Amino acid sequence: MQAPFEAPSWQHGQTTMGTHRVTVHVAAPPDKVFRLWTDLDRLKEWVGGVTKVTDVTGPIDQPGTRYTVWFGRMPSGTEVLEADPPRFLRTRFRSRVLGGETKATFEPEAEGTRITQEFRTEGWIAGIAGRIFSMGSYRGSFRGELNTFARLAETEARTAAGKTEAAFLDFPGSDPTVE
């Protein structure tokens, strides 16, 4: 088994077991979507099975930052390989079950953000697990998690917009009923 932060074997000439791509539209601006995506304290709200994140070595939007995502008692070492906030994040991950890379792009689209997430699994077991996680939209699947994230980000955006409107209405002289 490779150490949590070793380069995947496909970088050394072996073939990746699978590439899985999911896309969703989020009715929220890219900067807010990216900020939520990189908030490791909130990861367990949308990634199935996550119980905690530990050993964070730096800012999540900086290449070289490492952290451990825990799925119960199973750790998954993760390293940020590339980041271009609020447009792009690429990480490498490795656990006993699943290993490879993920790329997430955040593109402005129709009053919101289009997120495209690509998983590249490596190895036989990871390839089988990746295939299972790529099928359907159940909780814990790649699409299910992305859909959960989209709902969370949209709720956050609506809440923030409501607070901004409420703050405006509380400002003296800002009564919209007075002309």
Foldseek 3Di string as FASTA:
>chain_A
DDPQPDAFCVVVVDDFLDKFKDKDWALAALQLLQVCVQPQVCLCQQAPQFDHKDDFDDRSQDFQTWIWTDRDPWTKIKTWHHHDPSAKTKMWIDTPQWTFMKIWGWDDDDNTTMIMIMGTTGDDRNSVVLVVLRPDQDRNRPNVSVVSSSVVSNVVRVVVVVVVVVVQCPDPPNPPVPD
